[in-house]
Amino acid sequence: MAFLLRHKGVYDHWIGLRREQGQPWTWANGTEFNDLFPIGGGRDCAYLNDVNGVSSWRCTSERPWICTKPDAFTQAQEAAVDGGW
C-alpha cells in the first residue's frame, strides 16, 4: 500500500477491486480480496484516495487506473497491425 500511495500522483486511481452488492470484493482477475487493508464507502469499485487509503465509488466514475495491461484480444490486434501475424 505504501508503494502504491507513493507513486499514484495527485489523482485518485482505480486499483482493480470490484464487488456486487452484498458480495465480497474481488480483484480484476477474479480472485477474492483478502481484507489486507480497509476499504471505505459502500460502492462497487475501489480506488486510492487523497487521504492515504482506499475508498469505493461507482465504477462508472472516470478515474485513471493505477496500472493497465492489454488483454489477449488487444495484444493480438496490435500484433496484426505491426505485421506480427
N, C-alpha and C. Protein backbone atom coordinates (compact mmCIF):
# COMPACT_ATOMS: atom_id res chain seq x y z
N MET A 1 0.83 -1.17 0.00
CA MET A 1 0.00 0.00 0.00
C MET A 1 0.88 1.25 0.00
N ALA A 2 1.93 1.26 0.80
CA ALA A 2 2.81 2.42 0.84
C ALA A 2 3.42 2.68 -0.53
N PHE A 3 3.82 1.64 -1.24
CA PHE A 3 4.39 1.78 -2.57
C PHE A 3 3.37 2.42 -3.52
N LEU A 4 2.14 1.91 -3.52
CA LEU A 4 1.11 2.46 -4.41
C LEU A 4 0.82 3.92 -4.11
N LEU A 5 0.67 4.24 -2.84
CA LEU A 5 0.36 5.62 -2.47
C LEU A 5 1.50 6.57 -2.82
N ARG A 6 2.73 6.09 -2.71
CA ARG A 6 3.89 6.93 -3.01
C ARG A 6 3.97 7.26 -4.50
N HIS A 7 3.48 6.37 -5.36
CA HIS A 7 3.63 6.54 -6.80
C HIS A 7 2.34 6.90 -7.53
N LYS A 8 1.24 7.09 -6.83
CA LYS A 8 -0.03 7.33 -7.52
C LYS A 8 -0.18 8.73 -8.06
N GLY A 9 0.55 9.71 -7.54
CA GLY A 9 0.39 11.09 -8.00
C GLY A 9 -0.77 11.76 -7.30
N VAL A 10 -1.26 12.85 -7.90
CA VAL A 10 -2.28 13.65 -7.23
C VAL A 10 -3.70 13.16 -7.50
N TYR A 11 -3.90 12.35 -8.52
CA TYR A 11 -5.25 11.90 -8.86
C TYR A 11 -5.57 10.58 -8.18
N ASP A 12 -6.87 10.40 -7.88
CA ASP A 12 -7.33 9.11 -7.39
C ASP A 12 -7.22 8.10 -8.52
N HIS A 13 -6.86 6.86 -8.21
CA HIS A 13 -6.70 5.82 -9.22
C HIS A 13 -7.48 4.57 -8.83
N TRP A 14 -8.17 3.97 -9.81
CA TRP A 14 -8.79 2.67 -9.60
C TRP A 14 -7.69 1.65 -9.36
N ILE A 15 -7.97 0.65 -8.52
CA ILE A 15 -6.94 -0.35 -8.23
C ILE A 15 -7.33 -1.77 -8.63
N GLY A 16 -8.48 -1.95 -9.25
CA GLY A 16 -8.84 -3.28 -9.74
C GLY A 16 -9.66 -4.12 -8.79
N LEU A 17 -10.24 -3.51 -7.76
CA LEU A 17 -11.13 -4.23 -6.85
C LEU A 17 -12.58 -3.84 -7.14
N ARG A 18 -13.45 -4.85 -7.20
CA ARG A 18 -14.85 -4.61 -7.50
C ARG A 18 -15.71 -5.58 -6.71
N ARG A 19 -16.96 -5.17 -6.46
CA ARG A 19 -17.89 -6.10 -5.80
C ARG A 19 -19.32 -5.82 -6.25
N GLU A 20 -20.09 -6.87 -6.23
CA GLU A 20 -21.53 -6.74 -6.44
C GLU A 20 -22.14 -6.50 -5.06
N GLN A 21 -23.29 -5.86 -5.02
CA GLN A 21 -23.91 -5.54 -3.74
C GLN A 21 -24.08 -6.79 -2.88
N GLY A 22 -23.58 -6.70 -1.64
CA GLY A 22 -23.68 -7.79 -0.69
C GLY A 22 -22.68 -8.92 -0.91
N GLN A 23 -21.79 -8.78 -1.87
CA GLN A 23 -20.80 -9.80 -2.18
C GLN A 23 -19.42 -9.34 -1.73
N PRO A 24 -18.45 -10.26 -1.61
CA PRO A 24 -17.08 -9.87 -1.23
C PRO A 24 -16.38 -9.14 -2.38
N TRP A 25 -15.35 -8.39 -2.01
CA TRP A 25 -14.51 -7.72 -3.01
C TRP A 25 -13.71 -8.76 -3.77
N THR A 26 -13.55 -8.55 -5.08
CA THR A 26 -12.70 -9.41 -5.89
C THR A 26 -11.78 -8.54 -6.76
N TRP A 27 -10.61 -9.08 -7.06
CA TRP A 27 -9.67 -8.41 -7.94
C TRP A 27 -10.11 -8.58 -9.39
N ALA A 28 -9.54 -7.81 -10.28
CA ALA A 28 -9.89 -7.85 -11.70
C ALA A 28 -9.70 -9.24 -12.30
N ASN A 29 -8.79 -10.03 -11.75
CA ASN A 29 -8.56 -11.39 -12.28
C ASN A 29 -9.51 -12.42 -11.67
N GLY A 30 -10.43 -11.98 -10.81
CA GLY A 30 -11.43 -12.88 -10.23
C GLY A 30 -11.09 -13.45 -8.87
N THR A 31 -9.88 -13.24 -8.36
CA THR A 31 -9.53 -13.76 -7.04
C THR A 31 -10.15 -12.88 -5.96
N GLU A 32 -10.52 -13.51 -4.87
CA GLU A 32 -11.16 -12.79 -3.77
C GLU A 32 -10.15 -11.96 -2.98
N PHE A 33 -10.54 -10.76 -2.61
CA PHE A 33 -9.71 -9.86 -1.82
C PHE A 33 -9.57 -10.43 -0.42
N ASN A 34 -8.36 -10.34 0.17
CA ASN A 34 -8.08 -10.94 1.48
C ASN A 34 -8.19 -9.96 2.65
N ASP A 35 -8.83 -8.82 2.45
CA ASP A 35 -9.03 -7.81 3.51
C ASP A 35 -7.71 -7.32 4.10
N LEU A 36 -6.69 -7.22 3.26
CA LEU A 36 -5.37 -6.77 3.69
C LEU A 36 -5.39 -5.31 4.18
N PHE A 37 -6.32 -4.52 3.66
CA PHE A 37 -6.48 -3.12 4.08
C PHE A 37 -7.96 -2.79 4.04
N PRO A 38 -8.39 -1.79 4.83
CA PRO A 38 -9.80 -1.42 4.84
C PRO A 38 -10.18 -0.63 3.58
N ILE A 39 -11.43 -0.79 3.15
CA ILE A 39 -11.96 -0.05 2.01
C ILE A 39 -13.16 0.74 2.50
N GLY A 40 -13.05 2.07 2.45
CA GLY A 40 -14.14 2.93 2.91
C GLY A 40 -15.23 3.07 1.86
N GLY A 41 -16.39 3.53 2.30
CA GLY A 41 -17.51 3.74 1.38
C GLY A 41 -18.27 2.46 1.12
N GLY A 42 -19.39 2.60 0.47
CA GLY A 42 -20.23 1.43 0.23
C GLY A 42 -20.56 1.22 -1.22
N ARG A 43 -19.67 1.61 -2.12
CA ARG A 43 -19.94 1.49 -3.55
C ARG A 43 -19.30 0.24 -4.14
N ASP A 44 -19.23 0.18 -5.47
CA ASP A 44 -18.86 -1.07 -6.13
C ASP A 44 -17.43 -1.19 -6.67
N CYS A 45 -16.65 -0.10 -6.73
CA CYS A 45 -15.26 -0.18 -7.20
C CYS A 45 -14.35 0.59 -6.25
N ALA A 46 -13.15 0.07 -6.01
CA ALA A 46 -12.23 0.66 -5.04
C ALA A 46 -11.15 1.49 -5.74
N TYR A 47 -10.74 2.57 -5.08
CA TYR A 47 -9.69 3.44 -5.62
C TYR A 47 -8.82 3.98 -4.50
N LEU A 48 -7.58 4.35 -4.86
CA LEU A 48 -6.68 5.03 -3.92
C LEU A 48 -7.17 6.46 -3.79
N ASN A 49 -7.33 6.94 -2.55
CA ASN A 49 -7.86 8.29 -2.35
C ASN A 49 -6.77 9.26 -1.92
N ASP A 50 -7.17 10.49 -1.65
CA ASP A 50 -6.21 11.55 -1.29
C ASP A 50 -5.79 11.53 0.18
N VAL A 51 -6.40 10.70 0.99
CA VAL A 51 -6.06 10.66 2.42
C VAL A 51 -5.31 9.38 2.78
N ASN A 52 -4.51 8.90 1.83
CA ASN A 52 -3.66 7.73 2.06
C ASN A 52 -4.41 6.47 2.43
N GLY A 53 -5.46 6.20 1.69
CA GLY A 53 -6.22 4.99 1.93
C GLY A 53 -6.97 4.56 0.68
N VAL A 54 -7.93 3.68 0.88
CA VAL A 54 -8.73 3.16 -0.22
C VAL A 54 -10.20 3.42 0.08
N SER A 55 -10.89 3.96 -0.89
CA SER A 55 -12.32 4.22 -0.79
C SER A 55 -13.01 3.53 -1.94
N SER A 56 -14.34 3.58 -1.95
CA SER A 56 -15.08 3.00 -3.06
C SER A 56 -16.10 3.99 -3.60
N TRP A 57 -16.38 3.83 -4.88
CA TRP A 57 -17.35 4.68 -5.56
C TRP A 57 -17.91 3.93 -6.74
N ARG A 58 -18.84 4.54 -7.46
CA ARG A 58 -19.43 3.90 -8.63
C ARG A 58 -18.37 3.62 -9.69
N CYS A 59 -18.41 2.46 -10.26
CA CYS A 59 -17.43 2.07 -11.28
C CYS A 59 -17.52 2.93 -12.53
N THR A 60 -18.64 3.61 -12.73
CA THR A 60 -18.81 4.42 -13.93
C THR A 60 -18.12 5.78 -13.82
N SER A 61 -17.60 6.13 -12.65
CA SER A 61 -16.88 7.39 -12.47
C SER A 61 -15.54 7.31 -13.20
N GLU A 62 -15.14 8.42 -13.83
CA GLU A 62 -13.86 8.43 -14.55
C GLU A 62 -12.70 8.67 -13.59
N ARG A 63 -11.76 7.75 -13.63
CA ARG A 63 -10.51 7.83 -12.88
C ARG A 63 -9.48 7.06 -13.67
N PRO A 64 -8.21 7.44 -13.58
CA PRO A 64 -7.18 6.61 -14.22
C PRO A 64 -6.97 5.33 -13.42
N TRP A 65 -6.39 4.33 -14.07
CA TRP A 65 -6.05 3.07 -13.40
C TRP A 65 -4.62 3.15 -12.90
N ILE A 66 -4.35 2.52 -11.76
CA ILE A 66 -3.01 2.52 -11.21
C ILE A 66 -2.04 1.78 -12.14
N CYS A 67 -2.54 0.78 -12.84
CA CYS A 67 -1.73 0.10 -13.85
C CYS A 67 -2.67 -0.52 -14.86
N THR A 68 -2.18 -0.77 -16.05
CA THR A 68 -3.00 -1.40 -17.07
C THR A 68 -2.18 -2.44 -17.79
N LYS A 69 -2.86 -3.42 -18.30
CA LYS A 69 -2.21 -4.46 -19.09
C LYS A 69 -3.18 -4.83 -20.20
N PRO A 70 -2.75 -4.78 -21.45
CA PRO A 70 -3.66 -5.14 -22.54
C PRO A 70 -4.11 -6.59 -22.42
N ASP A 71 -5.37 -6.84 -22.75
CA ASP A 71 -5.86 -8.22 -22.75
C ASP A 71 -5.39 -8.93 -24.02
N ALA A 72 -5.66 -10.22 -24.13
CA ALA A 72 -5.19 -11.02 -25.26
C ALA A 72 -5.73 -10.50 -26.58
N PHE A 73 -6.97 -10.06 -26.61
CA PHE A 73 -7.57 -9.54 -27.84
C PHE A 73 -6.83 -8.29 -28.31
N THR A 74 -6.58 -7.37 -27.39
CA THR A 74 -5.87 -6.13 -27.73
C THR A 74 -4.45 -6.43 -28.20
N GLN A 75 -3.78 -7.35 -27.55
CA GLN A 75 -2.42 -7.72 -27.95
C GLN A 75 -2.41 -8.32 -29.36
N ALA A 76 -3.40 -9.15 -29.68
CA ALA A 76 -3.48 -9.76 -31.00
C ALA A 76 -3.74 -8.70 -32.07
N GLN A 77 -4.59 -7.73 -31.76
CA GLN A 77 -4.86 -6.66 -32.72
C GLN A 77 -3.59 -5.84 -32.98
N GLU A 78 -2.86 -5.51 -31.91
CA GLU A 78 -1.65 -4.74 -32.08
C GLU A 78 -0.61 -5.51 -32.88
N ALA A 79 -0.50 -6.81 -32.65
CA ALA A 79 0.45 -7.63 -33.38
C ALA A 79 0.08 -7.69 -34.86
N ALA A 80 -1.22 -7.78 -35.17
CA ALA A 80 -1.66 -7.82 -36.55
C ALA A 80 -1.35 -6.51 -37.28
N VAL A 81 -1.55 -5.40 -36.61
CA VAL A 81 -1.24 -4.09 -37.19
C VAL A 81 0.25 -3.96 -37.44
N ASP A 82 1.06 -4.48 -36.52
CA ASP A 82 2.52 -4.40 -36.65
C ASP A 82 3.09 -5.43 -37.62
N GLY A 83 2.22 -6.27 -38.18
CA GLY A 83 2.69 -7.29 -39.12
C GLY A 83 3.19 -8.55 -38.47
N GLY A 84 2.91 -8.71 -37.18
CA GLY A 84 3.39 -9.88 -36.46
C GLY A 84 2.58 -11.13 -36.71
N TRP A 85 1.41 -11.02 -37.39
CA TRP A 85 0.58 -12.20 -37.62
C TRP A 85 0.28 -12.35 -39.06
